[in-house]
């Protein structure tokens, strides 16, 4: 998942001004793991996770990975596709 974060956000959660990083193509992509709020906000809310918080963004990414694997990040697969994606 580190390679996904590198490809999605270059490991950044916030911009220089302190605002939460948003996607270039889709502004609903949020934070270090670029979690799309259109698809995942309701689940994040149900889990009590704030996607704008770095730690909670990462926690949601882990939960998402455990449920769906790397499919939610398939758009960036050309960047991370050769990496070993294993959570321990």
PDB file of N, CA and C in Angstrom:
ATOM      1  N   UNK A   1       0.810  -1.194   0.000  1.00  0.00           N
ATOM      2  CA  UNK A   1       0.000   0.000   0.000  1.00  0.00           C
ATOM      3  C   UNK A   1       0.856   1.262   0.000  1.00  0.00           C
ATOM      4  N   UNK A   2       2.092   1.126   0.443  1.00  0.00           N
ATOM      5  CA  UNK A   2       2.984   2.281   0.391  1.00  0.00           C
ATOM      6  C   UNK A   2       3.173   2.741  -1.054  1.00  0.00           C
ATOM      7  N   UNK A   3       3.279   1.801  -1.980  1.00  0.00           N
ATOM      8  CA  UNK A   3       3.433   2.170  -3.392  1.00  0.00           C
ATOM      9  C   UNK A   3       2.176   2.850  -3.922  1.00  0.00           C
ATOM     10  N   UNK A   4       1.022   2.424  -3.467  1.00  0.00           N
ATOM     11  CA  UNK A   4      -0.218   3.086  -3.866  1.00  0.00           C
ATOM     12  C   UNK A   4      -0.199   4.531  -3.365  1.00  0.00           C
ATOM     13  N   UNK A   5       0.167   4.730  -2.103  1.00  0.00           N
ATOM     14  CA  UNK A   5       0.231   6.086  -1.546  1.00  0.00           C
ATOM     15  C   UNK A   5       1.248   6.941  -2.288  1.00  0.00           C
ATOM     16  N   UNK A   6       2.377   6.339  -2.657  1.00  0.00           N
ATOM     17  CA  UNK A   6       3.389   7.091  -3.415  1.00  0.00           C
ATOM     18  C   UNK A   6       2.813   7.543  -4.745  1.00  0.00           C
ATOM     19  N   UNK A   7       2.130   6.657  -5.420  1.00  0.00           N
ATOM     20  CA  UNK A   7       1.570   6.979  -6.732  1.00  0.00           C
ATOM     21  C   UNK A   7       0.376   7.921  -6.637  1.00  0.00           C
ATOM     22  N   UNK A   8      -0.462   7.739  -5.655  1.00  0.00           N
ATOM     23  CA  UNK A   8      -1.670   8.550  -5.526  1.00  0.00           C
ATOM     24  C   UNK A   8      -1.389   9.968  -5.043  1.00  0.00           C
ATOM     25  N   UNK A   9      -0.465  10.117  -4.097  1.00  0.00           N
ATOM     26  CA  UNK A   9      -0.304  11.429  -3.453  1.00  0.00           C
ATOM     27  C   UNK A   9       1.136  11.839  -3.200  1.00  0.00           C
ATOM     28  N   UNK A  10       2.084  11.055  -3.651  1.00  0.00           N
ATOM     29  CA  UNK A  10       3.506  11.223  -3.298  1.00  0.00           C
ATOM     30  C   UNK A  10       3.663  11.359  -1.777  1.00  0.00           C
ATOM     31  N   UNK A  11       2.895  10.547  -1.056  1.00  0.00           N
ATOM     32  CA  UNK A  11       2.919  10.462   0.412  1.00  0.00           C
ATOM     33  C   UNK A  11       2.444  11.739   1.109  1.00  0.00           C
ATOM     34  N   UNK A  12       1.752  12.608   0.394  1.00  0.00           N
ATOM     35  CA  UNK A  12       1.273  13.857   1.014  1.00  0.00           C
ATOM     36  C   UNK A  12      -0.188  13.718   1.399  1.00  0.00           C
ATOM     37  N   UNK A  13      -0.536  14.258   2.535  1.00  0.00           N
ATOM     38  CA  UNK A  13      -1.940  14.302   2.956  1.00  0.00           C
ATOM     39  C   UNK A  13      -2.471  15.729   2.861  1.00  0.00           C
ATOM     40  N   UNK A  14      -1.566  16.688   3.003  1.00  0.00           N
ATOM     41  CA  UNK A  14      -1.977  18.089   2.957  1.00  0.00           C
ATOM     42  C   UNK A  14      -1.112  18.865   1.970  1.00  0.00           C
ATOM     43  N   UNK A  15      -1.635  20.010   1.587  1.00  0.00           N
ATOM     44  CA  UNK A  15      -0.920  20.944   0.713  1.00  0.00           C
ATOM     45  C   UNK A  15      -0.056  21.860   1.591  1.00  0.00           C
ATOM     46  N   UNK A  16       0.761  22.663   0.965  1.00  0.00           N
ATOM     47  CA  UNK A  16       1.643  23.578   1.701  1.00  0.00           C
ATOM     48  C   UNK A  16       0.858  24.521   2.609  1.00  0.00           C
ATOM     49  N   UNK A  17      -0.363  24.869   2.219  1.00  0.00           N
ATOM     50  CA  UNK A  17      -1.170  25.784   3.035  1.00  0.00           C
ATOM     51  C   UNK A  17      -1.937  25.079   4.153  1.00  0.00           C
ATOM     52  N   UNK A  18      -1.765  23.748   4.279  1.00  0.00           N
ATOM     53  CA  UNK A  18      -2.414  22.988   5.328  1.00  0.00           C
ATOM     54  C   UNK A  18      -3.746  22.373   4.929  1.00  0.00           C
ATOM     55  N   UNK A  19      -4.251  22.726   3.764  1.00  0.00           N
ATOM     56  CA  UNK A  19      -5.514  22.131   3.315  1.00  0.00           C
ATOM     57  C   UNK A  19      -5.290  20.682   2.895  1.00  0.00           C
ATOM     58  N   UNK A  20      -6.325  19.891   2.979  1.00  0.00           N
ATOM     59  CA  UNK A  20      -6.235  18.474   2.631  1.00  0.00           C
ATOM     60  C   UNK A  20      -6.046  18.336   1.121  1.00  0.00           C
ATOM     61  N   UNK A  21      -5.126  17.465   0.753  1.00  0.00           N
ATOM     62  CA  UNK A  21      -4.852  17.197  -0.658  1.00  0.00           C
ATOM     63  C   UNK A  21      -6.093  16.649  -1.346  1.00  0.00           C
ATOM     64  N   UNK A  22      -6.406  17.194  -2.494  1.00  0.00           N
ATOM     65  CA  UNK A  22      -7.526  16.727  -3.321  1.00  0.00           C
ATOM     66  C   UNK A  22      -6.988  16.261  -4.665  1.00  0.00           C
ATOM     67  N   UNK A  23      -7.717  15.383  -5.307  1.00  0.00           N
ATOM     68  CA  UNK A  23      -7.307  14.866  -6.605  1.00  0.00           C
ATOM     69  C   UNK A  23      -7.278  15.945  -7.670  1.00  0.00           C
ATOM     70  N   UNK A  24      -6.394  15.764  -8.634  1.00  0.00           N
ATOM     71  CA  UNK A  24      -6.328  16.699  -9.763  1.00  0.00           C
ATOM     72  C   UNK A  24      -7.484  16.469 -10.729  1.00  0.00           C
ATOM     73  N   UNK A  25      -7.791  15.218 -11.004  1.00  0.00           N
ATOM     74  CA  UNK A  25      -8.849  14.870 -11.948  1.00  0.00           C
ATOM     75  C   UNK A  25     -10.213  14.916 -11.267  1.00  0.00           C
ATOM     76  N   UNK A  26     -10.294  14.391 -10.061  1.00  0.00           N
ATOM     77  CA  UNK A  26     -11.553  14.344  -9.312  1.00  0.00           C
ATOM     78  C   UNK A  26     -11.307  14.917  -7.924  1.00  0.00           C
ATOM     79  N   UNK A  27     -11.852  16.072  -7.665  1.00  0.00           N
ATOM     80  CA  UNK A  27     -11.637  16.772  -6.386  1.00  0.00           C
ATOM     81  C   UNK A  27     -12.215  16.011  -5.198  1.00  0.00           C
ATOM     82  N   UNK A  28     -12.981  14.951  -5.447  1.00  0.00           N
ATOM     83  CA  UNK A  28     -13.519  14.144  -4.357  1.00  0.00           C
ATOM     84  C   UNK A  28     -12.498  13.139  -3.847  1.00  0.00           C
ATOM     85  N   UNK A  29     -11.382  12.950  -4.561  1.00  0.00           N
ATOM     86  CA  UNK A  29     -10.297  12.099  -4.085  1.00  0.00           C
ATOM     87  C   UNK A  29      -9.594  12.858  -2.964  1.00  0.00           C
ATOM     88  N   UNK A  30      -9.477  12.214  -1.803  1.00  0.00           N
ATOM     89  CA  UNK A  30      -9.117  12.917  -0.578  1.00  0.00           C
ATOM     90  C   UNK A  30      -7.918  12.305   0.132  1.00  0.00           C
ATOM     91  N   UNK A  31      -6.947  13.154   0.466  1.00  0.00           N
ATOM     92  CA  UNK A  31      -5.853  12.776   1.339  1.00  0.00           C
ATOM     93  C   UNK A  31      -4.806  11.868   0.737  1.00  0.00           C
ATOM     94  N   UNK A  32      -3.985  11.336   1.620  1.00  0.00           N
ATOM     95  CA  UNK A  32      -2.811  10.551   1.246  1.00  0.00           C
ATOM     96  C   UNK A  32      -3.166   9.337   0.392  1.00  0.00           C
ATOM     97  N   UNK A  33      -4.291   8.700   0.671  1.00  0.00           N
ATOM     98  CA  UNK A  33      -4.695   7.517  -0.093  1.00  0.00           C
ATOM     99  C   UNK A  33      -5.707   7.850  -1.181  1.00  0.00           C
ATOM    100  N   UNK A  34      -6.027   9.142  -1.332  1.00  0.00           N
ATOM    101  CA  UNK A  34      -6.944   9.614  -2.373  1.00  0.00           C
ATOM    102  C   UNK A  34      -8.256   8.828  -2.372  1.00  0.00           C
ATOM    103  N   UNK A  35      -8.865   8.742  -1.194  1.00  0.00           N
ATOM    104  CA  UNK A  35     -10.143   8.068  -1.020  1.00  0.00           C
ATOM    105  C   UNK A  35     -11.238   8.949  -1.624  1.00  0.00           C
ATOM    106  N   UNK A  36     -12.014   8.403  -2.539  1.00  0.00           N
ATOM    107  CA  UNK A  36     -13.052   9.167  -3.212  1.00  0.00           C
ATOM    108  C   UNK A  36     -14.292   9.244  -2.331  1.00  0.00           C
ATOM    109  N   UNK A  37     -14.655  10.466  -1.945  1.00  0.00           N
ATOM    110  CA  UNK A  37     -15.776  10.650  -1.036  1.00  0.00           C
ATOM    111  C   UNK A  37     -17.116  10.318  -1.678  1.00  0.00           C
ATOM    112  N   UNK A  38     -17.224  10.427  -2.981  1.00  0.00           N
ATOM    113  CA  UNK A  38     -18.478  10.074  -3.656  1.00  0.00           C
ATOM    114  C   UNK A  38     -18.815   8.610  -3.396  1.00  0.00           C
ATOM    115  N   UNK A  39     -17.839   7.758  -3.499  1.00  0.00           N
ATOM    116  CA  UNK A  39     -18.053   6.323  -3.343  1.00  0.00           C
ATOM    117  C   UNK A  39     -17.939   5.834  -1.902  1.00  0.00           C
ATOM    118  N   UNK A  40     -17.160   6.530  -1.069  1.00  0.00           N
ATOM    119  CA  UNK A  40     -16.795   5.951   0.225  1.00  0.00           C
ATOM    120  C   UNK A  40     -17.189   6.760   1.458  1.00  0.00           C
ATOM    121  N   UNK A  41     -17.764   7.954   1.293  1.00  0.00           N
ATOM    122  CA  UNK A  41     -18.075   8.785   2.456  1.00  0.00           C
ATOM    123  C   UNK A  41     -19.061   8.121   3.405  1.00  0.00           C
ATOM    124  N   UNK A  42     -20.113   7.498   2.884  1.00  0.00           N
ATOM    125  CA  UNK A  42     -21.118   6.876   3.755  1.00  0.00           C
ATOM    126  C   UNK A  42     -20.499   5.767   4.603  1.00  0.00           C
ATOM    127  N   UNK A  43     -19.640   4.970   3.992  1.00  0.00           N
ATOM    128  CA  UNK A  43     -18.979   3.891   4.741  1.00  0.00           C
ATOM    129  C   UNK A  43     -18.035   4.472   5.781  1.00  0.00           C
ATOM    130  N   UNK A  44     -17.283   5.503   5.393  1.00  0.00           N
ATOM    131  CA  UNK A  44     -16.371   6.149   6.346  1.00  0.00           C
ATOM    132  C   UNK A  44     -17.159   6.711   7.532  1.00  0.00           C
ATOM    133  N   UNK A  45     -18.275   7.350   7.243  1.00  0.00           N
ATOM    134  CA  UNK A  45     -19.115   7.888   8.313  1.00  0.00           C
ATOM    135  C   UNK A  45     -19.619   6.768   9.225  1.00  0.00           C
ATOM    136  N   UNK A  46     -20.050   5.666   8.635  1.00  0.00           N
ATOM    137  CA  UNK A  46     -20.558   4.537   9.425  1.00  0.00           C
ATOM    138  C   UNK A  46     -19.467   3.954  10.319  1.00  0.00           C
ATOM    139  N   UNK A  47     -18.228   4.032   9.864  1.00  0.00           N
ATOM    140  CA  UNK A  47     -17.092   3.543  10.651  1.00  0.00           C
ATOM    141  C   UNK A  47     -16.566   4.594  11.624  1.00  0.00           C
ATOM    142  N   UNK A  48     -17.133   5.801  11.553  1.00  0.00           N
ATOM    143  CA  UNK A  48     -16.683   6.891  12.420  1.00  0.00           C
ATOM    144  C   UNK A  48     -15.334   7.449  12.023  1.00  0.00           C
ATOM    145  N   UNK A  49     -15.023   7.392  10.723  1.00  0.00           N
ATOM    146  CA  UNK A  49     -13.716   7.855  10.241  1.00  0.00           C
ATOM    147  C   UNK A  49     -13.854   9.139   9.434  1.00  0.00           C
ATOM    148  N   UNK A  50     -12.963  10.088   9.708  1.00  0.00           N
ATOM    149  CA  UNK A  50     -12.894  11.364   8.999  1.00  0.00           C
ATOM    150  C   UNK A  50     -11.803  11.245   7.936  1.00  0.00           C
ATOM    151  N   UNK A  51     -12.182  11.206   6.676  1.00  0.00           N
ATOM    152  CA  UNK A  51     -11.219  11.017   5.593  1.00  0.00           C
ATOM    153  C   UNK A  51     -10.240  12.177   5.443  1.00  0.00           C
ATOM    154  N   UNK A  52     -10.533  13.303   6.079  1.00  0.00           N
ATOM    155  CA  UNK A  52      -9.615  14.437   6.031  1.00  0.00           C
ATOM    156  C   UNK A  52      -8.531  14.360   7.111  1.00  0.00           C
ATOM    157  N   UNK A  53      -8.654  13.399   8.006  1.00  0.00           N
ATOM    158  CA  UNK A  53      -7.642  13.157   9.028  1.00  0.00           C
ATOM    159  C   UNK A  53      -6.667  12.109   8.496  1.00  0.00           C
ATOM    160  N   UNK A  54      -5.371  12.394   8.558  1.00  0.00           N
ATOM    161  CA  UNK A  54      -4.365  11.484   7.992  1.00  0.00           C
ATOM    162  C   UNK A  54      -4.514  10.051   8.500  1.00  0.00           C
ATOM    163  N   UNK A  55      -4.561   9.875   9.805  1.00  0.00           N
ATOM    164  CA  UNK A  55      -4.611   8.533  10.388  1.00  0.00           C
ATOM    165  C   UNK A  55      -5.908   7.804  10.025  1.00  0.00           C
ATOM    166  N   UNK A  56      -6.992   8.549  10.002  1.00  0.00           N
ATOM    167  CA  UNK A  56      -8.274   7.947   9.668  1.00  0.00           C
ATOM    168  C   UNK A  56      -8.382   7.659   8.173  1.00  0.00           C
ATOM    169  N   UNK A  57      -7.738   8.460   7.339  1.00  0.00           N
ATOM    170  CA  UNK A  57      -7.657   8.184   5.904  1.00  0.00           C
ATOM    171  C   UNK A  57      -6.919   6.870   5.685  1.00  0.00           C
ATOM    172  N   UNK A  58      -5.823   6.682   6.405  1.00  0.00           N
ATOM    173  CA  UNK A  58      -5.056   5.439   6.306  1.00  0.00           C
ATOM    174  C   UNK A  58      -5.857   4.253   6.848  1.00  0.00           C
ATOM    175  N   UNK A  59      -6.573   4.453   7.945  1.00  0.00           N
ATOM    176  CA  UNK A  59      -7.389   3.375   8.514  1.00  0.00           C
ATOM    177  C   UNK A  59      -8.490   2.969   7.533  1.00  0.00           C
ATOM    178  N   UNK A  60      -9.099   3.944   6.893  1.00  0.00           N
ATOM    179  CA  UNK A  60     -10.127   3.620   5.918  1.00  0.00           C
ATOM    180  C   UNK A  60      -9.514   2.884   4.724  1.00  0.00           C
ATOM    181  N   UNK A  61      -8.339   3.311   4.288  1.00  0.00           N
ATOM    182  CA  UNK A  61      -7.666   2.637   3.171  1.00  0.00           C
ATOM    183  C   UNK A  61      -7.405   1.173   3.511  1.00  0.00           C
ATOM    184  N   UNK A  62      -6.993   0.910   4.722  1.00  0.00           N
ATOM    185  CA  UNK A  62      -6.764  -0.484   5.129  1.00  0.00           C
ATOM    186  C   UNK A  62      -8.071  -1.272   5.098  1.00  0.00           C
ATOM    187  N   UNK A  63      -9.120  -0.679   5.640  1.00  0.00           N
ATOM    188  CA  UNK A  63     -10.429  -1.328   5.624  1.00  0.00           C
ATOM    189  C   UNK A  63     -10.884  -1.586   4.185  1.00  0.00           C
ATOM    190  N   UNK A  64     -10.713  -0.604   3.334  1.00  0.00           N
ATOM    191  CA  UNK A  64     -11.098  -0.731   1.933  1.00  0.00           C
ATOM    192  C   UNK A  64     -10.283  -1.823   1.243  1.00  0.00           C
ATOM    193  N   UNK A  65      -8.991  -1.853   1.513  1.00  0.00           N
ATOM    194  CA  UNK A  65      -8.127  -2.884   0.935  1.00  0.00           C
ATOM    195  C   UNK A  65      -8.555  -4.284   1.397  1.00  0.00           C
ATOM    196  N   UNK A  66      -8.898  -4.405   2.655  1.00  0.00           N
ATOM    197  CA  UNK A  66      -9.321  -5.705   3.182  1.00  0.00           C
ATOM    198  C   UNK A  66     -10.640  -6.167   2.558  1.00  0.00           C
ATOM    199  N   UNK A  67     -11.478  -5.227   2.163  1.00  0.00           N
ATOM    200  CA  UNK A  67     -12.763  -5.573   1.554  1.00  0.00           C
ATOM    201  C   UNK A  67     -12.680  -5.725   0.032  1.00  0.00           C
ATOM    202  N   UNK A  68     -11.845  -4.894  -0.637  1.00  0.00           N
ATOM    203  CA  UNK A  68     -11.871  -4.853  -2.101  1.00  0.00           C
ATOM    204  C   UNK A  68     -10.501  -5.024  -2.762  1.00  0.00           C
ATOM    205  N   UNK A  69      -9.478  -5.252  -1.957  1.00  0.00           N
ATOM    206  CA  UNK A  69      -8.136  -5.347  -2.540  1.00  0.00           C
ATOM    207  C   UNK A  69      -7.721  -4.013  -3.140  1.00  0.00           C
ATOM    208  N   UNK A  70      -6.943  -4.051  -4.195  1.00  0.00           N
ATOM    209  CA  UNK A  70      -6.427  -2.817  -4.797  1.00  0.00           C
ATOM    210  C   UNK A  70      -7.351  -2.226  -5.862  1.00  0.00           C
ATOM    211  N   UNK A  71      -8.489  -2.852  -6.096  1.00  0.00           N
ATOM    212  CA  UNK A  71      -9.406  -2.376  -7.138  1.00  0.00           C
ATOM    213  C   UNK A  71      -9.737  -0.889  -7.012  1.00  0.00           C
ATOM    214  N   UNK A  72      -9.986  -0.339  -5.815  1.00  0.00           N
ATOM    215  CA  UNK A  72     -10.315   1.081  -5.740  1.00  0.00           C
ATOM    216  C   UNK A  72      -9.206   2.016  -6.244  1.00  0.00           C
ATOM    217  N   UNK A  73      -7.990   1.524  -6.333  1.00  0.00           N
ATOM    218  CA  UNK A  73      -6.861   2.323  -6.812  1.00  0.00           C
ATOM    219  C   UNK A  73      -6.411   1.883  -8.207  1.00  0.00           C
ATOM    220  N   UNK A  74      -7.283   1.224  -8.929  1.00  0.00           N
ATOM    221  CA  UNK A  74      -6.900   0.660 -10.232  1.00  0.00           C
ATOM    222  C   UNK A  74      -6.474   1.726 -11.245  1.00  0.00           C
ATOM    223  N   UNK A  75      -6.965   2.936 -11.115  1.00  0.00           N
ATOM    224  CA  UNK A  75      -6.580   3.992 -12.061  1.00  0.00           C
ATOM    225  C   UNK A  75      -5.087   4.297 -12.006  1.00  0.00           C
ATOM    226  N   UNK A  76      -4.476   4.094 -10.849  1.00  0.00           N
ATOM    227  CA  UNK A  76      -3.039   4.371 -10.732  1.00  0.00           C
ATOM    228  C   UNK A  76      -2.194   3.104 -10.871  1.00  0.00           C
ATOM    229  N   UNK A  77      -2.797   1.995 -11.275  1.00  0.00           N
ATOM    230  CA  UNK A  77      -2.077   0.735 -11.423  1.00  0.00           C
ATOM    231  C   UNK A  77      -0.826   0.857 -12.303  1.00  0.00           C
ATOM    232  N   UNK A  78      -0.835   1.628 -13.396  1.00  0.00           N
ATOM    233  CA  UNK A  78       0.393   1.733 -14.191  1.00  0.00           C
ATOM    234  C   UNK A  78       1.599   2.218 -13.370  1.00  0.00           C
ATOM    235  N   UNK A  79       1.341   2.973 -12.333  1.00  0.00           N
ATOM    236  CA  UNK A  79       2.419   3.480 -11.483  1.00  0.00           C
ATOM    237  C   UNK A  79       2.881   2.432 -10.472  1.00  0.00           C
ATOM    238  N   UNK A  80       1.948   1.782  -9.792  1.00  0.00           N
ATOM    239  CA  UNK A  80       2.312   0.840  -8.712  1.00  0.00           C
ATOM    240  C   UNK A  80       2.208  -0.625  -9.101  1.00  0.00           C
ATOM    241  N   UNK A  81       1.792  -0.922 -10.288  1.00  0.00           N
ATOM    242  CA  UNK A  81       1.460  -2.272 -10.689  1.00  0.00           C
ATOM    243  C   UNK A  81       2.531  -3.317 -10.508  1.00  0.00           C
ATOM    244  N   UNK A  82       3.804  -2.956 -10.497  1.00  0.00           N
ATOM    245  CA  UNK A  82       4.868  -3.933 -10.327  1.00  0.00           C
ATOM    246  C   UNK A  82       5.265  -4.134  -8.883  1.00  0.00           C
ATOM    247  N   UNK A  83       4.660  -3.375  -7.977  1.00  0.00           N
ATOM    248  CA  UNK A  83       5.017  -3.457  -6.553  1.00  0.00           C
ATOM    249  C   UNK A  83       4.283  -4.613  -5.874  1.00  0.00           C
ATOM    250  N   UNK A  84       4.881  -5.148  -4.845  1.00  0.00           N
ATOM    251  CA  UNK A  84       4.222  -6.142  -4.002  1.00  0.00           C
ATOM    252  C   UNK A  84       3.281  -5.394  -3.075  1.00  0.00           C
ATOM    253  N   UNK A  85       1.980  -5.683  -3.145  1.00  0.00           N
ATOM    254  CA  UNK A  85       1.011  -4.993  -2.300  1.00  0.00           C
ATOM    255  C   UNK A  85       0.487  -5.957  -1.262  1.00  0.00           C
ATOM    256  N   UNK A  86       1.156  -5.957  -0.122  1.00  0.00           N
ATOM    257  CA  UNK A  86       0.780  -6.849   0.962  1.00  0.00           C
ATOM    258  C   UNK A  86       0.698  -6.047   2.239  1.00  0.00           C
ATOM    259  N   UNK A  87      -0.422  -6.152   2.928  1.00  0.00           N
ATOM    260  CA  UNK A  87      -0.564  -5.532   4.247  1.00  0.00           C
ATOM    261  C   UNK A  87      -0.211  -6.571   5.295  1.00  0.00           C
ATOM    262  N   UNK A  88       0.506  -6.183   6.273  1.00  0.00           N
ATOM    263  CA  UNK A  88       0.867  -7.093   7.366  1.00  0.00           C
ATOM    264  C   UNK A  88       0.265  -6.602   8.644  1.00  0.00           C
TER     265      UNK A  88
END
